[in-house]
Amino acid sequence: MSEKKMEPTIVCRCMDVSLEEMIGAFQVMVKYLGIADADTFKRISSAMTGYCQGRGCMQHLQRILFSEAKKAGIDVSKLRLVPKKRPPLQPTPIGVYARLDTAGEEK
């Protein structure tokens, strides 16, 4: 009888990041960088960088950060659980996405 291999628990569906990968990214972040915040975690794990920009996984990511920080003995009150929001440098006219010039004609 063979053992059934468990499928990974996908937390960030857009970027296909599993729970195990997120925990590993947190451990690397704390061990080698000595910091624990959502922005760094986002860069290391690539979670919250996909199509939905974290709308589908941010709550899960926050719970994982909180839980892993407590396990590592990190003061959770100082832990930044929400990444910074960065708006575009300048607004993009909607016509650019529709391939229209400024006069409203298709290019």
N, C-alpha and C. Protein backbone atom coordinates (compact mmCIF):
# COMPACT_ATOMS: atom_id res chain seq x y z
N MET A 1 0.83 -1.17 0.00
CA MET A 1 0.00 0.00 0.00
C MET A 1 0.88 1.25 0.00
N SER A 2 0.68 2.12 -0.94
CA SER A 2 1.49 3.33 -1.02
C SER A 2 0.80 4.48 -0.28
N GLU A 3 1.64 5.36 0.25
CA GLU A 3 1.09 6.51 0.95
C GLU A 3 0.67 7.57 -0.07
N LYS A 4 -0.41 8.22 0.25
CA LYS A 4 -0.93 9.26 -0.62
C LYS A 4 -0.16 10.55 -0.35
N LYS A 5 0.39 11.16 -1.39
CA LYS A 5 1.14 12.40 -1.24
C LYS A 5 0.16 13.56 -1.07
N MET A 6 0.40 14.36 -0.05
CA MET A 6 -0.46 15.51 0.23
C MET A 6 -0.17 16.63 -0.76
N GLU A 7 -1.20 17.23 -1.27
CA GLU A 7 -1.06 18.38 -2.15
C GLU A 7 -0.71 19.60 -1.30
N PRO A 8 0.10 20.52 -1.83
CA PRO A 8 0.43 21.72 -1.05
C PRO A 8 -0.80 22.61 -0.88
N THR A 9 -0.84 23.33 0.22
CA THR A 9 -1.92 24.28 0.48
C THR A 9 -1.55 25.59 -0.20
N ILE A 10 -2.25 25.93 -1.27
CA ILE A 10 -1.97 27.16 -2.01
C ILE A 10 -2.66 28.33 -1.29
N VAL A 11 -1.89 29.33 -0.92
CA VAL A 11 -2.42 30.51 -0.24
C VAL A 11 -2.61 31.63 -1.24
N CYS A 12 -1.60 31.90 -2.06
CA CYS A 12 -1.69 32.94 -3.08
C CYS A 12 -1.94 32.24 -4.42
N ARG A 13 -3.17 32.27 -4.88
CA ARG A 13 -3.53 31.56 -6.10
C ARG A 13 -2.97 32.22 -7.35
N CYS A 14 -2.85 33.53 -7.34
CA CYS A 14 -2.35 34.24 -8.53
C CYS A 14 -0.90 33.87 -8.83
N MET A 15 -0.08 33.79 -7.78
CA MET A 15 1.34 33.51 -7.96
C MET A 15 1.70 32.07 -7.59
N ASP A 16 0.69 31.26 -7.24
CA ASP A 16 0.88 29.84 -6.93
C ASP A 16 1.89 29.64 -5.80
N VAL A 17 1.70 30.39 -4.70
CA VAL A 17 2.60 30.30 -3.55
C VAL A 17 1.90 29.47 -2.47
N SER A 18 2.58 28.44 -2.01
CA SER A 18 1.98 27.53 -1.02
C SER A 18 2.26 28.00 0.40
N LEU A 19 1.53 27.44 1.33
CA LEU A 19 1.73 27.72 2.75
C LEU A 19 3.15 27.38 3.16
N GLU A 20 3.65 26.25 2.71
CA GLU A 20 5.00 25.81 3.05
C GLU A 20 6.05 26.80 2.53
N GLU A 21 5.84 27.32 1.32
CA GLU A 21 6.77 28.31 0.76
C GLU A 21 6.71 29.62 1.55
N MET A 22 5.53 29.99 2.00
CA MET A 22 5.40 31.22 2.78
C MET A 22 6.11 31.09 4.13
N ILE A 23 5.94 29.95 4.78
CA ILE A 23 6.62 29.73 6.06
C ILE A 23 8.12 29.72 5.86
N GLY A 24 8.59 29.08 4.79
CA GLY A 24 10.01 29.06 4.48
C GLY A 24 10.55 30.47 4.21
N ALA A 25 9.78 31.28 3.49
CA ALA A 25 10.19 32.66 3.20
C ALA A 25 10.27 33.47 4.49
N PHE A 26 9.32 33.25 5.39
CA PHE A 26 9.36 33.96 6.67
C PHE A 26 10.61 33.57 7.46
N GLN A 27 10.91 32.29 7.51
CA GLN A 27 12.08 31.83 8.25
C GLN A 27 13.37 32.38 7.67
N VAL A 28 13.47 32.42 6.35
CA VAL A 28 14.65 33.00 5.69
C VAL A 28 14.75 34.49 6.02
N MET A 29 13.62 35.17 5.95
CA MET A 29 13.59 36.60 6.22
C MET A 29 14.08 36.91 7.63
N VAL A 30 13.63 36.15 8.61
CA VAL A 30 14.02 36.39 10.00
C VAL A 30 15.47 35.98 10.23
N LYS A 31 15.85 34.81 9.69
CA LYS A 31 17.20 34.29 9.95
C LYS A 31 18.29 35.13 9.30
N TYR A 32 18.11 35.49 8.04
CA TYR A 32 19.18 36.15 7.31
C TYR A 32 19.08 37.68 7.28
N LEU A 33 17.86 38.20 7.35
CA LEU A 33 17.69 39.65 7.30
C LEU A 33 17.42 40.26 8.67
N GLY A 34 16.96 39.44 9.60
CA GLY A 34 16.68 39.92 10.94
C GLY A 34 15.48 40.83 11.04
N ILE A 35 14.60 40.77 10.06
CA ILE A 35 13.41 41.61 10.07
C ILE A 35 12.19 40.77 9.75
N ALA A 36 11.03 41.30 10.11
CA ALA A 36 9.78 40.61 9.83
C ALA A 36 8.71 41.65 9.55
N ASP A 37 8.47 41.92 8.30
CA ASP A 37 7.40 42.84 7.93
C ASP A 37 6.79 42.39 6.61
N ALA A 38 5.58 42.85 6.35
CA ALA A 38 4.83 42.40 5.18
C ALA A 38 5.48 42.79 3.86
N ASP A 39 6.11 43.97 3.80
CA ASP A 39 6.74 44.40 2.54
C ASP A 39 7.88 43.47 2.14
N THR A 40 8.75 43.17 3.09
CA THR A 40 9.87 42.27 2.80
C THR A 40 9.36 40.87 2.47
N PHE A 41 8.36 40.43 3.22
CA PHE A 41 7.78 39.11 2.99
C PHE A 41 7.19 39.03 1.59
N LYS A 42 6.56 40.10 1.16
CA LYS A 42 5.96 40.16 -0.19
C LYS A 42 7.05 40.02 -1.26
N ARG A 43 8.18 40.68 -1.05
CA ARG A 43 9.28 40.62 -2.02
C ARG A 43 9.92 39.23 -2.06
N ILE A 44 10.09 38.62 -0.90
CA ILE A 44 10.77 37.32 -0.83
C ILE A 44 9.88 36.20 -1.36
N SER A 45 8.61 36.21 -0.98
CA SER A 45 7.73 35.09 -1.33
C SER A 45 6.99 35.28 -2.65
N SER A 46 6.92 36.48 -3.17
CA SER A 46 6.17 36.89 -4.36
C SER A 46 4.66 36.80 -4.16
N ALA A 47 4.21 36.50 -2.95
CA ALA A 47 2.77 36.52 -2.67
C ALA A 47 2.29 37.96 -2.75
N MET A 48 1.06 38.14 -3.11
CA MET A 48 0.40 39.44 -3.24
C MET A 48 0.94 40.29 -4.37
N THR A 49 1.65 39.70 -5.32
CA THR A 49 2.16 40.48 -6.45
C THR A 49 1.49 40.08 -7.76
N GLY A 50 0.51 39.23 -7.68
CA GLY A 50 -0.16 38.75 -8.88
C GLY A 50 -1.32 39.63 -9.31
N TYR A 51 -2.21 39.05 -10.06
CA TYR A 51 -3.32 39.77 -10.67
C TYR A 51 -4.18 40.50 -9.64
N CYS A 52 -4.49 39.87 -8.51
CA CYS A 52 -5.41 40.49 -7.54
C CYS A 52 -4.71 41.44 -6.58
N GLN A 53 -3.38 41.51 -6.62
CA GLN A 53 -2.60 42.40 -5.75
C GLN A 53 -2.91 42.21 -4.27
N GLY A 54 -3.14 40.97 -3.87
CA GLY A 54 -3.33 40.65 -2.46
C GLY A 54 -4.76 40.62 -1.97
N ARG A 55 -5.71 40.96 -2.82
CA ARG A 55 -7.10 40.95 -2.37
C ARG A 55 -7.56 39.56 -1.95
N GLY A 56 -7.00 38.54 -2.57
CA GLY A 56 -7.41 37.18 -2.26
C GLY A 56 -6.58 36.48 -1.20
N CYS A 57 -5.39 37.01 -0.90
CA CYS A 57 -4.51 36.29 0.03
C CYS A 57 -3.96 37.13 1.18
N MET A 58 -4.25 38.42 1.21
CA MET A 58 -3.64 39.26 2.24
C MET A 58 -4.02 38.82 3.65
N GLN A 59 -5.27 38.46 3.88
CA GLN A 59 -5.68 38.02 5.22
C GLN A 59 -4.94 36.75 5.62
N HIS A 60 -4.77 35.84 4.67
CA HIS A 60 -4.05 34.60 4.97
C HIS A 60 -2.58 34.91 5.27
N LEU A 61 -1.99 35.79 4.47
CA LEU A 61 -0.61 36.18 4.67
C LEU A 61 -0.43 36.81 6.05
N GLN A 62 -1.36 37.67 6.46
CA GLN A 62 -1.27 38.31 7.77
C GLN A 62 -1.35 37.29 8.89
N ARG A 63 -2.24 36.32 8.75
CA ARG A 63 -2.34 35.27 9.79
C ARG A 63 -1.05 34.45 9.86
N ILE A 64 -0.47 34.15 8.71
CA ILE A 64 0.78 33.38 8.69
C ILE A 64 1.90 34.18 9.33
N LEU A 65 2.03 35.46 8.97
CA LEU A 65 3.05 36.32 9.57
C LEU A 65 2.88 36.40 11.08
N PHE A 66 1.66 36.61 11.52
CA PHE A 66 1.38 36.73 12.95
C PHE A 66 1.75 35.43 13.68
N SER A 67 1.29 34.31 13.14
CA SER A 67 1.55 33.01 13.76
C SER A 67 3.04 32.68 13.80
N GLU A 68 3.72 32.87 12.67
CA GLU A 68 5.15 32.55 12.62
C GLU A 68 5.98 33.50 13.48
N ALA A 69 5.57 34.75 13.57
CA ALA A 69 6.28 35.71 14.42
C ALA A 69 6.17 35.30 15.89
N LYS A 70 4.97 34.89 16.29
CA LYS A 70 4.80 34.44 17.68
C LYS A 70 5.66 33.22 17.96
N LYS A 71 5.72 32.27 17.01
CA LYS A 71 6.55 31.07 17.18
C LYS A 71 8.03 31.44 17.29
N ALA A 72 8.45 32.46 16.55
CA ALA A 72 9.85 32.89 16.55
C ALA A 72 10.19 33.81 17.71
N GLY A 73 9.19 34.16 18.52
CA GLY A 73 9.43 35.04 19.65
C GLY A 73 9.59 36.50 19.29
N ILE A 74 9.04 36.90 18.14
CA ILE A 74 9.13 38.29 17.69
C ILE A 74 7.95 39.06 18.28
N ASP A 75 8.21 40.27 18.76
CA ASP A 75 7.17 41.12 19.32
C ASP A 75 6.18 41.47 18.21
N VAL A 76 5.01 40.87 18.28
CA VAL A 76 4.02 41.00 17.22
C VAL A 76 3.45 42.42 17.16
N SER A 77 3.47 43.14 18.28
CA SER A 77 2.93 44.50 18.27
C SER A 77 3.76 45.42 17.37
N LYS A 78 5.03 45.09 17.16
CA LYS A 78 5.89 45.90 16.30
C LYS A 78 5.91 45.39 14.85
N LEU A 79 5.28 44.27 14.62
CA LEU A 79 5.26 43.65 13.29
C LEU A 79 4.29 44.40 12.39
N ARG A 80 4.78 44.86 11.26
CA ARG A 80 3.91 45.52 10.28
C ARG A 80 3.24 44.44 9.44
N LEU A 81 1.94 44.27 9.64
CA LEU A 81 1.21 43.20 8.96
C LEU A 81 0.58 43.63 7.64
N VAL A 82 0.61 44.92 7.33
CA VAL A 82 0.01 45.40 6.10
C VAL A 82 1.10 46.04 5.24
N PRO A 83 1.28 45.56 4.01
CA PRO A 83 2.30 46.17 3.13
C PRO A 83 1.89 47.57 2.71
N LYS A 84 2.89 48.36 2.36
CA LYS A 84 2.62 49.72 1.87
C LYS A 84 1.89 49.67 0.54
N LYS A 85 1.01 50.61 0.35
CA LYS A 85 0.33 50.73 -0.95
C LYS A 85 1.05 51.80 -1.74
N ARG A 86 1.37 51.48 -2.96
CA ARG A 86 2.10 52.42 -3.80
C ARG A 86 1.27 52.74 -5.04
N PRO A 87 0.72 53.95 -5.09
CA PRO A 87 -0.06 54.33 -6.28
C PRO A 87 0.88 54.53 -7.47
N PRO A 88 0.34 54.53 -8.68
CA PRO A 88 1.18 54.79 -9.85
C PRO A 88 1.82 56.18 -9.76
N LEU A 89 2.95 56.36 -10.42
CA LEU A 89 3.63 57.65 -10.38
C LEU A 89 2.78 58.75 -10.99
N GLN A 90 2.05 58.41 -12.04
CA GLN A 90 1.13 59.37 -12.62
C GLN A 90 -0.06 58.60 -13.19
N PRO A 91 -1.24 59.19 -13.15
CA PRO A 91 -2.43 58.49 -13.63
C PRO A 91 -2.31 58.16 -15.12
N THR A 92 -2.87 57.04 -15.50
CA THR A 92 -2.88 56.62 -16.89
C THR A 92 -4.28 56.84 -17.46
N PRO A 93 -4.39 57.60 -18.55
CA PRO A 93 -5.71 57.80 -19.16
C PRO A 93 -6.30 56.45 -19.60
N ILE A 94 -7.59 56.27 -19.38
CA ILE A 94 -8.26 55.01 -19.70
C ILE A 94 -8.15 54.67 -21.18
N GLY A 95 -8.05 55.68 -22.03
CA GLY A 95 -7.93 55.45 -23.47
C GLY A 95 -6.67 54.68 -23.85
N VAL A 96 -5.63 54.77 -23.02
CA VAL A 96 -4.40 54.03 -23.29
C VAL A 96 -4.69 52.53 -23.27
N TYR A 97 -5.52 52.11 -22.31
CA TYR A 97 -5.85 50.69 -22.21
C TYR A 97 -6.77 50.24 -23.34
N ALA A 98 -7.54 51.17 -23.89
CA ALA A 98 -8.44 50.86 -24.99
C ALA A 98 -7.79 51.15 -26.34
N ARG A 99 -6.51 51.53 -26.32
CA ARG A 99 -5.74 51.85 -27.52
C ARG A 99 -6.35 53.00 -28.32
N LEU A 100 -6.76 54.02 -27.60
CA LEU A 100 -7.29 55.21 -28.24
C LEU A 100 -6.29 56.34 -28.06
N ASP A 101 -6.22 57.22 -29.04
CA ASP A 101 -5.37 58.41 -28.86
C ASP A 101 -6.16 59.44 -28.04
N THR A 102 -5.55 60.57 -27.79
CA THR A 102 -6.19 61.57 -26.95
C THR A 102 -7.44 62.17 -27.60
N ALA A 103 -7.58 62.08 -28.92
CA ALA A 103 -8.77 62.59 -29.61
C ALA A 103 -9.91 61.58 -29.58
N GLY A 104 -9.67 60.37 -29.07
CA GLY A 104 -10.70 59.37 -28.99
C GLY A 104 -10.80 58.43 -30.17
N GLU A 105 -9.81 58.50 -31.09
CA GLU A 105 -9.82 57.63 -32.25
C GLU A 105 -8.87 56.46 -32.02
N GLU A 106 -9.28 55.31 -32.56
CA GLU A 106 -8.46 54.11 -32.39
C GLU A 106 -7.15 54.22 -33.16
N LYS A 107 -6.09 53.76 -32.51
CA LYS A 107 -4.76 53.83 -33.15
C LYS A 107 -4.53 52.65 -34.05
